[in-house]
Amino acid sequence: MNETPPNPGSEEALAQGCICSEIDNHWGRGITCDYELFVIRPGCPVHNPKEDVSCPQK
Protein backbone atom coordinates (compact mmCIF):
# COMPACT_ATOMS: atom_id res chain seq x y z
CA MET A 1 0.00 0.00 0.00
CA ASN A 2 1.41 3.39 -1.06
CA GLU A 3 0.07 6.12 1.19
CA THR A 4 0.44 9.76 0.22
CA PRO A 5 2.69 11.56 2.71
CA PRO A 6 1.31 14.56 4.60
CA ASN A 7 1.90 17.99 3.09
CA PRO A 8 5.44 19.36 3.44
CA GLY A 9 5.84 21.62 6.47
CA SER A 10 2.69 20.35 8.19
CA GLU A 11 2.75 19.18 11.80
CA GLU A 12 2.02 15.62 10.66
CA ALA A 13 4.95 15.65 8.22
CA LEU A 14 7.32 17.14 10.79
CA ALA A 15 6.35 14.38 13.23
CA GLN A 16 7.43 11.86 10.56
CA GLY A 17 10.84 13.53 10.13
CA CYS A 18 10.09 16.07 7.38
CA ILE A 19 12.81 18.71 6.98
CA CYS A 20 10.93 20.86 4.43
CA SER A 21 10.37 24.51 5.33
CA GLU A 22 7.34 25.17 7.51
CA ILE A 23 7.26 28.86 6.62
CA ASP A 24 7.74 28.47 2.85
CA ASN A 25 5.01 25.83 2.79
CA HIS A 26 2.69 27.85 5.04
CA TRP A 27 2.60 25.06 7.64
CA GLY A 28 1.32 22.48 5.16
CA ARG A 29 -1.12 24.66 3.22
CA GLY A 30 1.30 25.15 0.30
CA ILE A 31 2.28 28.18 -1.68
CA THR A 32 -0.78 30.28 -2.41
CA CYS A 33 -1.62 29.71 -6.07
CA ASP A 34 -4.50 28.23 -8.02
CA TYR A 35 -2.92 24.80 -7.45
CA GLU A 36 -1.08 23.05 -4.67
CA LEU A 37 2.61 23.80 -4.79
CA PHE A 38 5.16 22.95 -2.12
CA VAL A 39 8.84 23.56 -1.51
CA ILE A 40 10.53 20.19 -1.06
CA ARG A 41 13.96 20.14 0.53
CA PRO A 42 16.47 17.76 -1.10
CA GLY A 43 17.03 14.72 1.08
CA CYS A 44 13.79 15.07 3.03
CA PRO A 45 13.17 11.58 4.40
CA VAL A 46 9.39 11.99 3.97
CA HIS A 47 9.06 13.79 0.62
CA ASN A 48 12.33 13.15 -1.21
CA PRO A 49 13.89 10.02 0.25
CA LYS A 50 17.07 8.80 -1.34
CA GLU A 51 16.52 5.60 -3.22
CA ASP A 52 18.88 2.68 -2.92
CA VAL A 53 21.35 3.28 -5.73
CA SER A 54 23.67 0.42 -4.93
CA CYS A 55 24.94 -1.70 -7.80
CA PRO A 56 22.89 -4.79 -8.57
CA GLN A 57 24.39 -8.10 -7.57
CA LYS A 58 25.48 -10.43 -10.37
PDB file of N, CA and C in Angstrom:
ATOM      1  N   MET A   1       0.849  -1.176   0.000  1.00  0.00           N
ATOM      2  CA  MET A   1       0.000   0.000   0.000  1.00  0.00           C
ATOM      3  C   MET A   1       0.894   1.238   0.000  1.00  0.00           C
ATOM      4  N   ASN A   2       0.613   2.172  -0.919  1.00  0.00           N
ATOM      5  CA  ASN A   2       1.414   3.386  -1.060  1.00  0.00           C
ATOM      6  C   ASN A   2       0.594   4.576  -0.594  1.00  0.00           C
ATOM      7  N   GLU A   3       0.817   5.003   0.636  1.00  0.00           N
ATOM      8  CA  GLU A   3       0.072   6.123   1.189  1.00  0.00           C
ATOM      9  C   GLU A   3       0.740   7.431   0.790  1.00  0.00           C
ATOM     10  N   THR A   4      -0.074   8.444   0.537  1.00  0.00           N
ATOM     11  CA  THR A   4       0.440   9.765   0.222  1.00  0.00           C
ATOM     12  C   THR A   4       0.948  10.403   1.511  1.00  0.00           C
ATOM     13  N   PRO A   5       2.177  10.931   1.498  1.00  0.00           N
ATOM     14  CA  PRO A   5       2.690  11.558   2.715  1.00  0.00           C
ATOM     15  C   PRO A   5       1.943  12.858   3.014  1.00  0.00           C
ATOM     16  N   PRO A   6       1.951  13.293   4.259  1.00  0.00           N
ATOM     17  CA  PRO A   6       1.305  14.558   4.601  1.00  0.00           C
ATOM     18  C   PRO A   6       2.017  15.716   3.909  1.00  0.00           C
ATOM     19  N   ASN A   7       1.329  16.823   3.781  1.00  0.00           N
ATOM     20  CA  ASN A   7       1.896  17.986   3.093  1.00  0.00           C
ATOM     21  C   ASN A   7       3.197  18.455   3.743  1.00  0.00           C
ATOM     22  N   PRO A   8       4.167  18.856   2.923  1.00  0.00           N
ATOM     23  CA  PRO A   8       5.436  19.360   3.444  1.00  0.00           C
ATOM     24  C   PRO A   8       5.226  20.551   4.389  1.00  0.00           C
ATOM     25  N   GLY A   9       5.919  20.538   5.496  1.00  0.00           N
ATOM     26  CA  GLY A   9       5.839  21.616   6.474  1.00  0.00           C
ATOM     27  C   GLY A   9       4.694  21.502   7.458  1.00  0.00           C
ATOM     28  N   SER A  10       3.820  20.521   7.266  1.00  0.00           N
ATOM     29  CA  SER A  10       2.695  20.353   8.190  1.00  0.00           C
ATOM     30  C   SER A  10       3.180  19.679   9.471  1.00  0.00           C
ATOM     31  N   GLU A  11       2.392  19.808  10.524  1.00  0.00           N
ATOM     32  CA  GLU A  11       2.753  19.178  11.799  1.00  0.00           C
ATOM     33  C   GLU A  11       2.890  17.673  11.649  1.00  0.00           C
ATOM     34  N   GLU A  12       1.984  17.065  10.871  1.00  0.00           N
ATOM     35  CA  GLU A  12       2.023  15.616  10.661  1.00  0.00           C
ATOM     36  C   GLU A  12       3.318  15.201   9.962  1.00  0.00           C
ATOM     37  N   ALA A  13       3.722  15.970   8.957  1.00  0.00           N
ATOM     38  CA  ALA A  13       4.953  15.652   8.222  1.00  0.00           C
ATOM     39  C   ALA A  13       6.175  15.829   9.116  1.00  0.00           C
ATOM     40  N   LEU A  14       6.186  16.896   9.889  1.00  0.00           N
ATOM     41  CA  LEU A  14       7.316  17.145  10.788  1.00  0.00           C
ATOM     42  C   LEU A  14       7.450  16.020  11.811  1.00  0.00           C
ATOM     43  N   ALA A  15       6.329  15.491  12.269  1.00  0.00           N
ATOM     44  CA  ALA A  15       6.348  14.380  13.229  1.00  0.00           C
ATOM     45  C   ALA A  15       6.938  13.121  12.603  1.00  0.00           C
ATOM     46  N   GLN A  16       6.873  13.013  11.266  1.00  0.00           N
ATOM     47  CA  GLN A  16       7.425  11.862  10.561  1.00  0.00           C
ATOM     48  C   GLN A  16       8.871  12.089  10.124  1.00  0.00           C
ATOM     49  N   GLY A  17       9.446  13.263  10.450  1.00  0.00           N
ATOM     50  CA  GLY A  17      10.838  13.534  10.130  1.00  0.00           C
ATOM     51  C   GLY A  17      11.048  14.478   8.968  1.00  0.00           C
ATOM     52  N   CYS A  18       9.995  15.123   8.488  1.00  0.00           N
ATOM     53  CA  CYS A  18      10.091  16.068   7.377  1.00  0.00           C
ATOM     54  C   CYS A  18      11.034  17.218   7.734  1.00  0.00           C
ATOM     55  N   ILE A  19      11.892  17.586   6.770  1.00  0.00           N
ATOM     56  CA  ILE A  19      12.807  18.713   6.977  1.00  0.00           C
ATOM     57  C   ILE A  19      12.499  19.865   6.013  1.00  0.00           C
ATOM     58  N   CYS A  20      11.343  19.792   5.326  1.00  0.00           N
ATOM     59  CA  CYS A  20      10.929  20.863   4.425  1.00  0.00           C
ATOM     60  C   CYS A  20      10.527  22.088   5.247  1.00  0.00           C
ATOM     61  N   SER A  21      10.638  23.258   4.627  1.00  0.00           N
ATOM     62  CA  SER A  21      10.366  24.508   5.328  1.00  0.00           C
ATOM     63  C   SER A  21       8.902  24.644   5.737  1.00  0.00           C
ATOM     64  N   GLU A  22       8.701  24.914   7.009  1.00  0.00           N
ATOM     65  CA  GLU A  22       7.344  25.168   7.505  1.00  0.00           C
ATOM     66  C   GLU A  22       6.827  26.493   6.964  1.00  0.00           C
ATOM     67  N   ILE A  23       7.667  27.512   7.025  1.00  0.00           N
ATOM     68  CA  ILE A  23       7.261  28.859   6.618  1.00  0.00           C
ATOM     69  C   ILE A  23       6.995  28.921   5.119  1.00  0.00           C
ATOM     70  N   ASP A  24       7.929  28.426   4.304  1.00  0.00           N
ATOM     71  CA  ASP A  24       7.743  28.470   2.848  1.00  0.00           C
ATOM     72  C   ASP A  24       6.506  27.706   2.410  1.00  0.00           C
ATOM     73  N   ASN A  25       6.169  26.650   3.124  1.00  0.00           N
ATOM     74  CA  ASN A  25       5.008  25.826   2.792  1.00  0.00           C
ATOM     75  C   ASN A  25       3.761  26.213   3.573  1.00  0.00           C
ATOM     76  N   HIS A  26       3.816  27.334   4.260  1.00  0.00           N
ATOM     77  CA  HIS A  26       2.690  27.849   5.039  1.00  0.00           C
ATOM     78  C   HIS A  26       2.089  26.767   5.936  1.00  0.00           C
ATOM     79  N   TRP A  27       2.970  26.087   6.660  1.00  0.00           N
ATOM     80  CA  TRP A  27       2.595  25.063   7.640  1.00  0.00           C
ATOM     81  C   TRP A  27       1.685  23.994   7.040  1.00  0.00           C
ATOM     82  N   GLY A  28       2.031  23.574   5.808  1.00  0.00           N
ATOM     83  CA  GLY A  28       1.322  22.485   5.163  1.00  0.00           C
ATOM     84  C   GLY A  28       0.222  22.904   4.207  1.00  0.00           C
ATOM     85  N   ARG A  29      -0.058  24.211   4.119  1.00  0.00           N
ATOM     86  CA  ARG A  29      -1.118  24.664   3.219  1.00  0.00           C
ATOM     87  C   ARG A  29      -0.597  24.863   1.789  1.00  0.00           C
ATOM     88  N   GLY A  30       0.716  24.960   1.623  1.00  0.00           N
ATOM     89  CA  GLY A  30       1.304  25.152   0.305  1.00  0.00           C
ATOM     90  C   GLY A  30       1.436  26.615  -0.064  1.00  0.00           C
ATOM     91  N   ILE A  31       2.120  26.828  -1.166  1.00  0.00           N
ATOM     92  CA  ILE A  31       2.280  28.180  -1.685  1.00  0.00           C
ATOM     93  C   ILE A  31       0.943  28.611  -2.262  1.00  0.00           C
ATOM     94  N   THR A  32       0.536  29.821  -1.973  1.00  0.00           N
ATOM     95  CA  THR A  32      -0.783  30.278  -2.406  1.00  0.00           C
ATOM     96  C   THR A  32      -0.796  30.540  -3.903  1.00  0.00           C
ATOM     97  N   CYS A  33      -1.427  29.632  -4.617  1.00  0.00           N
ATOM     98  CA  CYS A  33      -1.622  29.708  -6.067  1.00  0.00           C
ATOM     99  C   CYS A  33      -2.970  29.066  -6.373  1.00  0.00           C
ATOM    100  N   ASP A  34      -3.268  28.916  -7.631  1.00  0.00           N
ATOM    101  CA  ASP A  34      -4.495  28.225  -8.023  1.00  0.00           C
ATOM    102  C   ASP A  34      -4.356  26.711  -7.918  1.00  0.00           C
ATOM    103  N   TYR A  35      -3.174  26.230  -7.571  1.00  0.00           N
ATOM    104  CA  TYR A  35      -2.921  24.800  -7.455  1.00  0.00           C
ATOM    105  C   TYR A  35      -2.006  24.591  -6.256  1.00  0.00           C
ATOM    106  N   GLU A  36      -1.943  23.354  -5.801  1.00  0.00           N
ATOM    107  CA  GLU A  36      -1.077  23.049  -4.668  1.00  0.00           C
ATOM    108  C   GLU A  36       0.362  23.007  -5.135  1.00  0.00           C
ATOM    109  N   LEU A  37       1.194  23.748  -4.473  1.00  0.00           N
ATOM    110  CA  LEU A  37       2.613  23.796  -4.792  1.00  0.00           C
ATOM    111  C   LEU A  37       3.368  23.853  -3.474  1.00  0.00           C
ATOM    112  N   PHE A  38       4.402  23.031  -3.354  1.00  0.00           N
ATOM    113  CA  PHE A  38       5.159  22.953  -2.117  1.00  0.00           C
ATOM    114  C   PHE A  38       6.647  23.051  -2.408  1.00  0.00           C
ATOM    115  N   VAL A  39       7.387  23.519  -1.441  1.00  0.00           N
ATOM    116  CA  VAL A  39       8.843  23.561  -1.509  1.00  0.00           C
ATOM    117  C   VAL A  39       9.347  22.304  -0.813  1.00  0.00           C
ATOM    118  N   ILE A  40      10.012  21.440  -1.584  1.00  0.00           N
ATOM    119  CA  ILE A  40      10.533  20.188  -1.062  1.00  0.00           C
ATOM    120  C   ILE A  40      12.041  20.316  -0.905  1.00  0.00           C
ATOM    121  N   ARG A  41      12.527  20.055   0.277  1.00  0.00           N
ATOM    122  CA  ARG A  41      13.960  20.136   0.528  1.00  0.00           C
ATOM    123  C   ARG A  41      14.642  18.848   0.069  1.00  0.00           C
ATOM    124  N   PRO A  42      15.743  18.962  -0.678  1.00  0.00           N
ATOM    125  CA  PRO A  42      16.469  17.758  -1.098  1.00  0.00           C
ATOM    126  C   PRO A  42      16.872  16.915   0.110  1.00  0.00           C
ATOM    127  N   GLY A  43      16.656  15.630   0.000  1.00  0.00           N
ATOM    128  CA  GLY A  43      17.029  14.723   1.081  1.00  0.00           C
ATOM    129  C   GLY A  43      15.997  14.593   2.178  1.00  0.00           C
ATOM    130  N   CYS A  44      14.829  15.222   2.014  1.00  0.00           N
ATOM    131  CA  CYS A  44      13.786  15.074   3.031  1.00  0.00           C
ATOM    132  C   CYS A  44      13.399  13.604   3.111  1.00  0.00           C
ATOM    133  N   PRO A  45      13.474  13.004   4.291  1.00  0.00           N
ATOM    134  CA  PRO A  45      13.168  11.575   4.404  1.00  0.00           C
ATOM    135  C   PRO A  45      11.694  11.243   4.157  1.00  0.00           C
ATOM    136  N   VAL A  46      10.814  12.227   4.192  1.00  0.00           N
ATOM    137  CA  VAL A  46       9.394  11.989   3.970  1.00  0.00           C
ATOM    138  C   VAL A  46       9.005  12.264   2.511  1.00  0.00           C
ATOM    139  N   HIS A  47       9.513  13.358   1.946  1.00  0.00           N
ATOM    140  CA  HIS A  47       9.064  13.791   0.625  1.00  0.00           C
ATOM    141  C   HIS A  47      10.069  13.583  -0.498  1.00  0.00           C
ATOM    142  N   ASN A  48      11.314  13.366  -0.190  1.00  0.00           N
ATOM    143  CA  ASN A  48      12.325  13.153  -1.214  1.00  0.00           C
ATOM    144  C   ASN A  48      13.376  12.176  -0.694  1.00  0.00           C
ATOM    145  N   PRO A  49      12.918  10.980  -0.303  1.00  0.00           N
ATOM    146  CA  PRO A  49      13.887  10.017   0.251  1.00  0.00           C
ATOM    147  C   PRO A  49      14.858   9.547  -0.825  1.00  0.00           C
ATOM    148  N   LYS A  50      16.072   9.320  -0.409  1.00  0.00           N
ATOM    149  CA  LYS A  50      17.073   8.798  -1.337  1.00  0.00           C
ATOM    150  C   LYS A  50      16.761   7.338  -1.602  1.00  0.00           C
ATOM    151  N   GLU A  51      16.756   6.993  -2.873  1.00  0.00           N
ATOM    152  CA  GLU A  51      16.519   5.603  -3.224  1.00  0.00           C
ATOM    153  C   GLU A  51      17.817   4.836  -3.135  1.00  0.00           C
ATOM    154  N   ASP A  52      17.696   3.530  -2.953  1.00  0.00           N
ATOM    155  CA  ASP A  52      18.878   2.675  -2.918  1.00  0.00           C
ATOM    156  C   ASP A  52      19.484   2.656  -4.302  1.00  0.00           C
ATOM    157  N   VAL A  53      20.689   3.200  -4.429  1.00  0.00           N
ATOM    158  CA  VAL A  53      21.348   3.275  -5.728  1.00  0.00           C
ATOM    159  C   VAL A  53      22.549   2.352  -5.781  1.00  0.00           C
ATOM    160  N   SER A  54      22.554   1.347  -4.935  1.00  0.00           N
ATOM    161  CA  SER A  54      23.667   0.415  -4.931  1.00  0.00           C
ATOM    162  C   SER A  54      23.662  -0.404  -6.219  1.00  0.00           C
ATOM    163  N   CYS A  55      24.811  -0.901  -6.576  1.00  0.00           N
ATOM    164  CA  CYS A  55      24.944  -1.698  -7.803  1.00  0.00           C
ATOM    165  C   CYS A  55      24.223  -3.032  -7.624  1.00  0.00           C
ATOM    166  N   PRO A  56      23.555  -3.483  -8.684  1.00  0.00           N
ATOM    167  CA  PRO A  56      22.887  -4.788  -8.574  1.00  0.00           C
ATOM    168  C   PRO A  56      23.911  -5.913  -8.464  1.00  0.00           C
ATOM    169  N   GLN A  57      23.522  -6.944  -7.746  1.00  0.00           N
ATOM    170  CA  GLN A  57      24.393  -8.104  -7.568  1.00  0.00           C
ATOM    171  C   GLN A  57      24.318  -8.984  -8.802  1.00  0.00           C
ATOM    172  N   LYS A  58      25.459  -9.529  -9.219  1.00  0.00           N
ATOM    173  CA  LYS A  58      25.477 -10.435 -10.371  1.00  0.00           C
ATOM    174  C   LYS A  58      25.264 -11.845  -9.925  1.00  0.00           C
TER     175      LYS A  58
END
